mmCIF file of all heavy atoms, coordinates in Angstrom:
data_MODEL
# 
_entry.id   MODEL 
# 
loop_
_atom_site.group_PDB 
_atom_site.id 
_atom_site.type_symbol 
_atom_site.label_atom_id 
_atom_site.label_alt_id 
_atom_site.label_comp_id 
_atom_site.label_asym_id 
_atom_site.label_entity_id 
_atom_site.label_seq_id 
_atom_site.pdbx_PDB_ins_code 
_atom_site.Cartn_x 
_atom_site.Cartn_y 
_atom_site.Cartn_z 
_atom_site.occupancy 
_atom_site.B_iso_or_equiv 
_atom_site.pdbx_formal_charge 
_atom_site.auth_seq_id 
_atom_site.auth_comp_id 
_atom_site.auth_asym_id 
_atom_site.auth_atom_id 
_atom_site.pdbx_PDB_model_num 
ATOM 1   N N   . GLU A 1 1  ? -84.889 41.915 -65.391 1.00 0.00 ? 1  GLU A N   1 
ATOM 2   C CA  . GLU A 1 1  ? -84.881 42.706 -66.622 1.00 0.00 ? 1  GLU A CA  1 
ATOM 3   C C   . GLU A 1 1  ? -83.490 43.293 -66.882 1.00 0.00 ? 1  GLU A C   1 
ATOM 4   O O   . GLU A 1 1  ? -82.969 43.248 -68.002 1.00 0.00 ? 1  GLU A O   1 
ATOM 5   C CB  . GLU A 1 1  ? -85.916 43.825 -66.511 1.00 0.00 ? 1  GLU A CB  1 
ATOM 6   C CG  . GLU A 1 1  ? -85.999 44.753 -67.686 1.00 0.00 ? 1  GLU A CG  1 
ATOM 7   C CD  . GLU A 1 1  ? -87.000 45.881 -67.455 1.00 0.00 ? 1  GLU A CD  1 
ATOM 8   O OE1 . GLU A 1 1  ? -87.970 45.697 -66.687 1.00 0.00 ? 1  GLU A OE1 1 
ATOM 9   O OE2 . GLU A 1 1  ? -86.800 46.967 -68.034 1.00 0.00 ? 1  GLU A OE2 1 
ATOM 10  N N   . HIS A 1 2  ? -82.899 43.837 -65.843 1.00 0.00 ? 2  HIS A N   1 
ATOM 11  C CA  . HIS A 1 2  ? -81.571 44.432 -65.953 1.00 0.00 ? 2  HIS A CA  1 
ATOM 12  C C   . HIS A 1 2  ? -80.537 43.375 -66.370 1.00 0.00 ? 2  HIS A C   1 
ATOM 13  O O   . HIS A 1 2  ? -79.703 43.623 -67.250 1.00 0.00 ? 2  HIS A O   1 
ATOM 14  C CB  . HIS A 1 2  ? -81.178 45.071 -64.616 1.00 0.00 ? 2  HIS A CB  1 
ATOM 15  C CG  . HIS A 1 2  ? -79.850 45.732 -64.623 1.00 0.00 ? 2  HIS A CG  1 
ATOM 16  N ND1 . HIS A 1 2  ? -79.661 46.993 -65.140 1.00 0.00 ? 2  HIS A ND1 1 
ATOM 17  C CD2 . HIS A 1 2  ? -78.643 45.315 -64.198 1.00 0.00 ? 2  HIS A CD2 1 
ATOM 18  C CE1 . HIS A 1 2  ? -78.378 47.315 -65.025 1.00 0.00 ? 2  HIS A CE1 1 
ATOM 19  N NE2 . HIS A 1 2  ? -77.744 46.311 -64.452 1.00 0.00 ? 2  HIS A NE2 1 
ATOM 20  N N   . GLU A 1 3  ? -80.597 42.211 -65.759 1.00 0.00 ? 3  GLU A N   1 
ATOM 21  C CA  . GLU A 1 3  ? -79.647 41.144 -66.069 1.00 0.00 ? 3  GLU A CA  1 
ATOM 22  C C   . GLU A 1 3  ? -79.857 40.595 -67.478 1.00 0.00 ? 3  GLU A C   1 
ATOM 23  O O   . GLU A 1 3  ? -78.894 40.301 -68.183 1.00 0.00 ? 3  GLU A O   1 
ATOM 24  C CB  . GLU A 1 3  ? -79.737 40.027 -65.031 1.00 0.00 ? 3  GLU A CB  1 
ATOM 25  C CG  . GLU A 1 3  ? -79.112 40.410 -63.714 1.00 0.00 ? 3  GLU A CG  1 
ATOM 26  C CD  . GLU A 1 3  ? -77.637 40.784 -63.866 1.00 0.00 ? 3  GLU A CD  1 
ATOM 27  O OE1 . GLU A 1 3  ? -76.842 39.946 -64.330 1.00 0.00 ? 3  GLU A OE1 1 
ATOM 28  O OE2 . GLU A 1 3  ? -77.289 41.921 -63.538 1.00 0.00 ? 3  GLU A OE2 1 
ATOM 29  N N   . ARG A 1 4  ? -81.127 40.446 -67.886 1.00 0.00 ? 4  ARG A N   1 
ATOM 30  C CA  . ARG A 1 4  ? -81.393 39.988 -69.252 1.00 0.00 ? 4  ARG A CA  1 
ATOM 31  C C   . ARG A 1 4  ? -80.787 40.934 -70.274 1.00 0.00 ? 4  ARG A C   1 
ATOM 32  O O   . ARG A 1 4  ? -80.154 40.506 -71.235 1.00 0.00 ? 4  ARG A O   1 
ATOM 33  C CB  . ARG A 1 4  ? -82.903 39.875 -69.504 1.00 0.00 ? 4  ARG A CB  1 
ATOM 34  C CG  . ARG A 1 4  ? -83.515 38.575 -69.105 1.00 0.00 ? 4  ARG A CG  1 
ATOM 35  C CD  . ARG A 1 4  ? -84.926 38.421 -69.655 1.00 0.00 ? 4  ARG A CD  1 
ATOM 36  N NE  . ARG A 1 4  ? -85.786 39.531 -69.312 1.00 0.00 ? 4  ARG A NE  1 
ATOM 37  C CZ  . ARG A 1 4  ? -86.504 39.611 -68.201 1.00 0.00 ? 4  ARG A CZ  1 
ATOM 38  N NH1 . ARG A 1 4  ? -86.462 38.648 -67.307 1.00 0.00 ? 4  ARG A NH1 1 
ATOM 39  N NH2 . ARG A 1 4  ? -87.274 40.651 -67.976 1.00 0.00 ? 4  ARG A NH2 1 
ATOM 40  N N   . GLU A 1 5  ? -80.988 42.219 -70.066 1.00 0.00 ? 5  GLU A N   1 
ATOM 41  C CA  . GLU A 1 5  ? -80.461 43.204 -71.012 1.00 0.00 ? 5  GLU A CA  1 
ATOM 42  C C   . GLU A 1 5  ? -78.936 43.189 -71.015 1.00 0.00 ? 5  GLU A C   1 
ATOM 43  O O   . GLU A 1 5  ? -78.318 43.311 -72.081 1.00 0.00 ? 5  GLU A O   1 
ATOM 44  C CB  . GLU A 1 5  ? -80.998 44.606 -70.697 1.00 0.00 ? 5  GLU A CB  1 
ATOM 45  C CG  . GLU A 1 5  ? -80.612 45.643 -71.719 1.00 0.00 ? 5  GLU A CG  1 
ATOM 46  C CD  . GLU A 1 5  ? -81.038 45.322 -73.154 1.00 0.00 ? 5  GLU A CD  1 
ATOM 47  O OE1 . GLU A 1 5  ? -82.013 44.583 -73.364 1.00 0.00 ? 5  GLU A OE1 1 
ATOM 48  O OE2 . GLU A 1 5  ? -80.356 45.821 -74.088 1.00 0.00 ? 5  GLU A OE2 1 
ATOM 49  N N   . ALA A 1 6  ? -78.319 43.036 -69.863 1.00 0.00 ? 6  ALA A N   1 
ATOM 50  C CA  . ALA A 1 6  ? -76.856 42.959 -69.808 1.00 0.00 ? 6  ALA A CA  1 
ATOM 51  C C   . ALA A 1 6  ? -76.359 41.748 -70.601 1.00 0.00 ? 6  ALA A C   1 
ATOM 52  O O   . ALA A 1 6  ? -75.377 41.848 -71.349 1.00 0.00 ? 6  ALA A O   1 
ATOM 53  C CB  . ALA A 1 6  ? -76.385 42.887 -68.356 1.00 0.00 ? 6  ALA A CB  1 
ATOM 54  N N   . CYS A 1 7  ? -77.019 40.617 -70.474 1.00 0.00 ? 7  CYS A N   1 
ATOM 55  C CA  . CYS A 1 7  ? -76.624 39.411 -71.214 1.00 0.00 ? 7  CYS A CA  1 
ATOM 56  C C   . CYS A 1 7  ? -76.845 39.599 -72.712 1.00 0.00 ? 7  CYS A C   1 
ATOM 57  O O   . CYS A 1 7  ? -76.007 39.207 -73.529 1.00 0.00 ? 7  CYS A O   1 
ATOM 58  C CB  . CYS A 1 7  ? -77.411 38.195 -70.722 1.00 0.00 ? 7  CYS A CB  1 
ATOM 59  S SG  . CYS A 1 7  ? -76.997 37.712 -69.035 1.00 0.00 ? 7  CYS A SG  1 
ATOM 60  N N   . ALA A 1 8  ? -77.975 40.201 -73.073 1.00 0.00 ? 8  ALA A N   1 
ATOM 61  C CA  . ALA A 1 8  ? -78.263 40.440 -74.493 1.00 0.00 ? 8  ALA A CA  1 
ATOM 62  C C   . ALA A 1 8  ? -77.229 41.384 -75.107 1.00 0.00 ? 8  ALA A C   1 
ATOM 63  O O   . ALA A 1 8  ? -76.821 41.200 -76.262 1.00 0.00 ? 8  ALA A O   1 
ATOM 64  C CB  . ALA A 1 8  ? -79.666 40.998 -74.655 1.00 0.00 ? 8  ALA A CB  1 
ATOM 65  N N   . LYS A 1 9  ? -76.779 42.352 -74.343 1.00 0.00 ? 9  LYS A N   1 
ATOM 66  C CA  . LYS A 1 9  ? -75.761 43.277 -74.854 1.00 0.00 ? 9  LYS A CA  1 
ATOM 67  C C   . LYS A 1 9  ? -74.439 42.565 -75.116 1.00 0.00 ? 9  LYS A C   1 
ATOM 68  O O   . LYS A 1 9  ? -73.735 42.898 -76.067 1.00 0.00 ? 9  LYS A O   1 
ATOM 69  C CB  . LYS A 1 9  ? -75.568 44.449 -73.890 1.00 0.00 ? 9  LYS A CB  1 
ATOM 70  C CG  . LYS A 1 9  ? -76.695 45.451 -73.947 1.00 0.00 ? 9  LYS A CG  1 
ATOM 71  C CD  . LYS A 1 9  ? -76.484 46.598 -72.984 1.00 0.00 ? 9  LYS A CD  1 
ATOM 72  C CE  . LYS A 1 9  ? -77.637 47.582 -73.064 1.00 0.00 ? 9  LYS A CE  1 
ATOM 73  N NZ  . LYS A 1 9  ? -77.465 48.710 -72.145 1.00 0.00 ? 9  LYS A NZ  1 
ATOM 74  N N   . VAL A 1 10 ? -74.099 41.585 -74.293 1.00 0.00 ? 10 VAL A N   1 
ATOM 75  C CA  . VAL A 1 10 ? -72.888 40.790 -74.546 1.00 0.00 ? 10 VAL A CA  1 
ATOM 76  C C   . VAL A 1 10 ? -73.041 40.077 -75.890 1.00 0.00 ? 10 VAL A C   1 
ATOM 77  O O   . VAL A 1 10 ? -72.116 40.063 -76.712 1.00 0.00 ? 10 VAL A O   1 
ATOM 78  C CB  . VAL A 1 10 ? -72.630 39.778 -73.410 1.00 0.00 ? 10 VAL A CB  1 
ATOM 79  C CG1 . VAL A 1 10 ? -71.538 38.796 -73.796 1.00 0.00 ? 10 VAL A CG1 1 
ATOM 80  C CG2 . VAL A 1 10 ? -72.264 40.513 -72.128 1.00 0.00 ? 10 VAL A CG2 1 
ATOM 81  N N   . CYS A 1 11 ? -74.210 39.503 -76.132 1.00 0.00 ? 11 CYS A N   1 
ATOM 82  C CA  . CYS A 1 11 ? -74.451 38.834 -77.409 1.00 0.00 ? 11 CYS A CA  1 
ATOM 83  C C   . CYS A 1 11 ? -74.378 39.827 -78.569 1.00 0.00 ? 11 CYS A C   1 
ATOM 84  O O   . CYS A 1 11 ? -73.844 39.498 -79.636 1.00 0.00 ? 11 CYS A O   1 
ATOM 85  C CB  . CYS A 1 11 ? -75.807 38.142 -77.400 1.00 0.00 ? 11 CYS A CB  1 
ATOM 86  S SG  . CYS A 1 11 ? -75.916 36.751 -76.263 1.00 0.00 ? 11 CYS A SG  1 
ATOM 87  N N   . ASP A 1 12 ? -74.906 41.040 -78.375 1.00 0.00 ? 12 ASP A N   1 
ATOM 88  C CA  . ASP A 1 12 ? -74.825 42.070 -79.417 1.00 0.00 ? 12 ASP A CA  1 
ATOM 89  C C   . ASP A 1 12 ? -73.378 42.374 -79.776 1.00 0.00 ? 12 ASP A C   1 
ATOM 90  O O   . ASP A 1 12 ? -73.037 42.516 -80.951 1.00 0.00 ? 12 ASP A O   1 
ATOM 91  C CB  . ASP A 1 12 ? -75.518 43.363 -78.962 1.00 0.00 ? 12 ASP A CB  1 
ATOM 92  C CG  . ASP A 1 12 ? -77.021 43.255 -78.866 1.00 0.00 ? 12 ASP A CG  1 
ATOM 93  O OD1 . ASP A 1 12 ? -77.608 42.345 -79.498 1.00 0.00 ? 12 ASP A OD1 1 
ATOM 94  O OD2 . ASP A 1 12 ? -77.617 44.086 -78.153 1.00 0.00 ? 12 ASP A OD2 1 
ATOM 95  N N   . VAL A 1 13 ? -72.539 42.481 -78.771 1.00 0.00 ? 13 VAL A N   1 
ATOM 96  C CA  . VAL A 1 13 ? -71.114 42.759 -78.998 1.00 0.00 ? 13 VAL A CA  1 
ATOM 97  C C   . VAL A 1 13 ? -70.475 41.595 -79.744 1.00 0.00 ? 13 VAL A C   1 
ATOM 98  O O   . VAL A 1 13 ? -69.729 41.792 -80.712 1.00 0.00 ? 13 VAL A O   1 
ATOM 99  C CB  . VAL A 1 13 ? -70.383 43.042 -77.668 1.00 0.00 ? 13 VAL A CB  1 
ATOM 100 C CG1 . VAL A 1 13 ? -68.881 43.067 -77.867 1.00 0.00 ? 13 VAL A CG1 1 
ATOM 101 C CG2 . VAL A 1 13 ? -70.866 44.358 -77.077 1.00 0.00 ? 13 VAL A CG2 1 
ATOM 102 N N   . LEU A 1 14 ? -70.776 40.383 -79.310 1.00 0.00 ? 14 LEU A N   1 
ATOM 103 C CA  . LEU A 1 14 ? -70.207 39.210 -79.982 1.00 0.00 ? 14 LEU A CA  1 
ATOM 104 C C   . LEU A 1 14 ? -70.698 39.094 -81.425 1.00 0.00 ? 14 LEU A C   1 
ATOM 105 O O   . LEU A 1 14 ? -69.965 38.618 -82.293 1.00 0.00 ? 14 LEU A O   1 
ATOM 106 C CB  . LEU A 1 14 ? -70.547 37.941 -79.204 1.00 0.00 ? 14 LEU A CB  1 
ATOM 107 C CG  . LEU A 1 14 ? -69.876 37.800 -77.839 1.00 0.00 ? 14 LEU A CG  1 
ATOM 108 C CD1 . LEU A 1 14 ? -70.401 36.560 -77.129 1.00 0.00 ? 14 LEU A CD1 1 
ATOM 109 C CD2 . LEU A 1 14 ? -68.372 37.762 -77.965 1.00 0.00 ? 14 LEU A CD2 1 
ATOM 110 N N   . ALA A 1 15 ? -71.909 39.536 -81.684 1.00 0.00 ? 15 ALA A N   1 
ATOM 111 C CA  . ALA A 1 15 ? -72.489 39.423 -83.024 1.00 0.00 ? 15 ALA A CA  1 
ATOM 112 C C   . ALA A 1 15 ? -71.731 40.246 -84.061 1.00 0.00 ? 15 ALA A C   1 
ATOM 113 O O   . ALA A 1 15 ? -71.805 39.954 -85.253 1.00 0.00 ? 15 ALA A O   1 
ATOM 114 C CB  . ALA A 1 15 ? -73.960 39.839 -82.992 1.00 0.00 ? 15 ALA A CB  1 
ATOM 115 N N   . VAL A 1 16 ? -71.003 41.260 -83.629 1.00 0.00 ? 16 VAL A N   1 
ATOM 116 C CA  . VAL A 1 16 ? -70.238 42.087 -84.573 1.00 0.00 ? 16 VAL A CA  1 
ATOM 117 C C   . VAL A 1 16 ? -68.731 41.908 -84.407 1.00 0.00 ? 16 VAL A C   1 
ATOM 118 O O   . VAL A 1 16 ? -67.952 42.510 -85.128 1.00 0.00 ? 16 VAL A O   1 
ATOM 119 C CB  . VAL A 1 16 ? -70.606 43.592 -84.443 1.00 0.00 ? 16 VAL A CB  1 
ATOM 120 C CG1 . VAL A 1 16 ? -72.072 43.802 -84.793 1.00 0.00 ? 16 VAL A CG1 1 
ATOM 121 C CG2 . VAL A 1 16 ? -70.314 44.119 -83.050 1.00 0.00 ? 16 VAL A CG2 1 
ATOM 122 N N   . HIS A 1 17 ? -68.334 41.058 -83.482 1.00 0.00 ? 17 HIS A N   1 
ATOM 123 C CA  . HIS A 1 17 ? -66.913 40.792 -83.270 1.00 0.00 ? 17 HIS A CA  1 
ATOM 124 C C   . HIS A 1 17 ? -66.422 39.856 -84.369 1.00 0.00 ? 17 HIS A C   1 
ATOM 125 O O   . HIS A 1 17 ? -67.051 38.827 -84.636 1.00 0.00 ? 17 HIS A O   1 
ATOM 126 C CB  . HIS A 1 17 ? -66.701 40.142 -81.904 1.00 0.00 ? 17 HIS A CB  1 
ATOM 127 C CG  . HIS A 1 17 ? -65.276 40.004 -81.505 1.00 0.00 ? 17 HIS A CG  1 
ATOM 128 N ND1 . HIS A 1 17 ? -64.484 38.997 -81.996 1.00 0.00 ? 17 HIS A ND1 1 
ATOM 129 C CD2 . HIS A 1 17 ? -64.505 40.743 -80.684 1.00 0.00 ? 17 HIS A CD2 1 
ATOM 130 C CE1 . HIS A 1 17 ? -63.275 39.121 -81.492 1.00 0.00 ? 17 HIS A CE1 1 
ATOM 131 N NE2 . HIS A 1 17 ? -63.258 40.169 -80.684 1.00 0.00 ? 17 HIS A NE2 1 
ATOM 132 N N   . PRO A 1 18 ? -65.314 40.207 -85.029 1.00 0.00 ? 18 PRO A N   1 
ATOM 133 C CA  . PRO A 1 18 ? -64.829 39.394 -86.154 1.00 0.00 ? 18 PRO A CA  1 
ATOM 134 C C   . PRO A 1 18 ? -64.638 37.913 -85.826 1.00 0.00 ? 18 PRO A C   1 
ATOM 135 O O   . PRO A 1 18 ? -64.910 37.042 -86.656 1.00 0.00 ? 18 PRO A O   1 
ATOM 136 C CB  . PRO A 1 18 ? -63.487 40.029 -86.518 1.00 0.00 ? 18 PRO A CB  1 
ATOM 137 C CG  . PRO A 1 18 ? -63.523 41.389 -85.938 1.00 0.00 ? 18 PRO A CG  1 
ATOM 138 C CD  . PRO A 1 18 ? -64.455 41.340 -84.770 1.00 0.00 ? 18 PRO A CD  1 
ATOM 139 N N   . GLU A 1 19 ? -64.195 37.604 -84.635 1.00 0.00 ? 19 GLU A N   1 
ATOM 140 C CA  . GLU A 1 19 ? -63.910 36.216 -84.273 1.00 0.00 ? 19 GLU A CA  1 
ATOM 141 C C   . GLU A 1 19 ? -65.165 35.426 -83.895 1.00 0.00 ? 19 GLU A C   1 
ATOM 142 O O   . GLU A 1 19 ? -65.226 34.213 -84.066 1.00 0.00 ? 19 GLU A O   1 
ATOM 143 C CB  . GLU A 1 19 ? -62.914 36.189 -83.109 1.00 0.00 ? 19 GLU A CB  1 
ATOM 144 C CG  . GLU A 1 19 ? -62.374 34.817 -82.803 1.00 0.00 ? 19 GLU A CG  1 
ATOM 145 C CD  . GLU A 1 19 ? -61.293 34.847 -81.731 1.00 0.00 ? 19 GLU A CD  1 
ATOM 146 O OE1 . GLU A 1 19 ? -60.677 35.916 -81.506 1.00 0.00 ? 19 GLU A OE1 1 
ATOM 147 O OE2 . GLU A 1 19 ? -61.066 33.796 -81.127 1.00 0.00 ? 19 GLU A OE2 1 
ATOM 148 N N   . TYR A 1 20 ? -66.186 36.108 -83.370 1.00 0.00 ? 20 TYR A N   1 
ATOM 149 C CA  . TYR A 1 20 ? -67.358 35.409 -82.842 1.00 0.00 ? 20 TYR A CA  1 
ATOM 150 C C   . TYR A 1 20 ? -68.653 35.681 -83.603 1.00 0.00 ? 20 TYR A C   1 
ATOM 151 O O   . TYR A 1 20 ? -69.680 35.092 -83.288 1.00 0.00 ? 20 TYR A O   1 
ATOM 152 C CB  . TYR A 1 20 ? -67.575 35.778 -81.368 1.00 0.00 ? 20 TYR A CB  1 
ATOM 153 C CG  . TYR A 1 20 ? -66.384 35.489 -80.510 1.00 0.00 ? 20 TYR A CG  1 
ATOM 154 C CD1 . TYR A 1 20 ? -65.590 36.517 -80.021 1.00 0.00 ? 20 TYR A CD1 1 
ATOM 155 C CD2 . TYR A 1 20 ? -66.035 34.183 -80.198 1.00 0.00 ? 20 TYR A CD2 1 
ATOM 156 C CE1 . TYR A 1 20 ? -64.477 36.252 -79.230 1.00 0.00 ? 20 TYR A CE1 1 
ATOM 157 C CE2 . TYR A 1 20 ? -64.927 33.907 -79.415 1.00 0.00 ? 20 TYR A CE2 1 
ATOM 158 C CZ  . TYR A 1 20 ? -64.159 34.952 -78.939 1.00 0.00 ? 20 TYR A CZ  1 
ATOM 159 O OH  . TYR A 1 20 ? -63.073 34.671 -78.163 1.00 0.00 ? 20 TYR A OH  1 
ATOM 160 N N   . ALA A 1 21 ? -68.621 36.573 -84.572 1.00 0.00 ? 21 ALA A N   1 
ATOM 161 C CA  . ALA A 1 21 ? -69.842 36.969 -85.269 1.00 0.00 ? 21 ALA A CA  1 
ATOM 162 C C   . ALA A 1 21 ? -70.519 35.762 -85.923 1.00 0.00 ? 21 ALA A C   1 
ATOM 163 O O   . ALA A 1 21 ? -69.875 34.975 -86.604 1.00 0.00 ? 21 ALA A O   1 
ATOM 164 C CB  . ALA A 1 21 ? -69.531 38.022 -86.312 1.00 0.00 ? 21 ALA A CB  1 
ATOM 165 N N   . SER A 1 22 ? -71.805 35.641 -85.678 1.00 0.00 ? 22 SER A N   1 
ATOM 166 C CA  . SER A 1 22 ? -72.604 34.603 -86.324 1.00 0.00 ? 22 SER A CA  1 
ATOM 167 C C   . SER A 1 22 ? -74.071 34.928 -86.114 1.00 0.00 ? 22 SER A C   1 
ATOM 168 O O   . SER A 1 22 ? -74.427 35.773 -85.293 1.00 0.00 ? 22 SER A O   1 
ATOM 169 C CB  . SER A 1 22 ? -72.293 33.221 -85.749 1.00 0.00 ? 22 SER A CB  1 
ATOM 170 O OG  . SER A 1 22 ? -72.848 33.086 -84.460 1.00 0.00 ? 22 SER A OG  1 
ATOM 171 N N   . ASP A 1 23 ? -74.906 34.242 -86.855 1.00 0.00 ? 23 ASP A N   1 
ATOM 172 C CA  . ASP A 1 23 ? -76.344 34.433 -86.670 1.00 0.00 ? 23 ASP A CA  1 
ATOM 173 C C   . ASP A 1 23 ? -76.783 33.940 -85.291 1.00 0.00 ? 23 ASP A C   1 
ATOM 174 O O   . ASP A 1 23 ? -77.757 34.425 -84.735 1.00 0.00 ? 23 ASP A O   1 
ATOM 175 C CB  . ASP A 1 23 ? -77.119 33.694 -87.754 1.00 0.00 ? 23 ASP A CB  1 
ATOM 176 C CG  . ASP A 1 23 ? -76.959 34.342 -89.120 1.00 0.00 ? 23 ASP A CG  1 
ATOM 177 O OD1 . ASP A 1 23 ? -76.627 35.549 -89.170 1.00 0.00 ? 23 ASP A OD1 1 
ATOM 178 O OD2 . ASP A 1 23 ? -77.158 33.653 -90.132 1.00 0.00 ? 23 ASP A OD2 1 
ATOM 179 N N   . ILE A 1 24 ? -76.055 32.989 -84.748 1.00 0.00 ? 24 ILE A N   1 
ATOM 180 C CA  . ILE A 1 24 ? -76.408 32.431 -83.436 1.00 0.00 ? 24 ILE A CA  1 
ATOM 181 C C   . ILE A 1 24 ? -76.356 33.513 -82.357 1.00 0.00 ? 24 ILE A C   1 
ATOM 182 O O   . ILE A 1 24 ? -77.236 33.576 -81.500 1.00 0.00 ? 24 ILE A O   1 
ATOM 183 C CB  . ILE A 1 24 ? -75.483 31.256 -83.061 1.00 0.00 ? 24 ILE A CB  1 
ATOM 184 C CG1 . ILE A 1 24 ? -75.701 30.093 -84.014 1.00 0.00 ? 24 ILE A CG1 1 
ATOM 185 C CG2 . ILE A 1 24 ? -75.675 30.825 -81.621 1.00 0.00 ? 24 ILE A CG2 1 
ATOM 186 C CD1 . ILE A 1 24 ? -77.077 29.483 -83.968 1.00 0.00 ? 24 ILE A CD1 1 
# 
């Protein structure tokens, strides 16, 4: 659970990063 949330948070950060933001 802890590792899943850590990975999901990386995706959350990338989702708002200008260079990496995407629906994916």
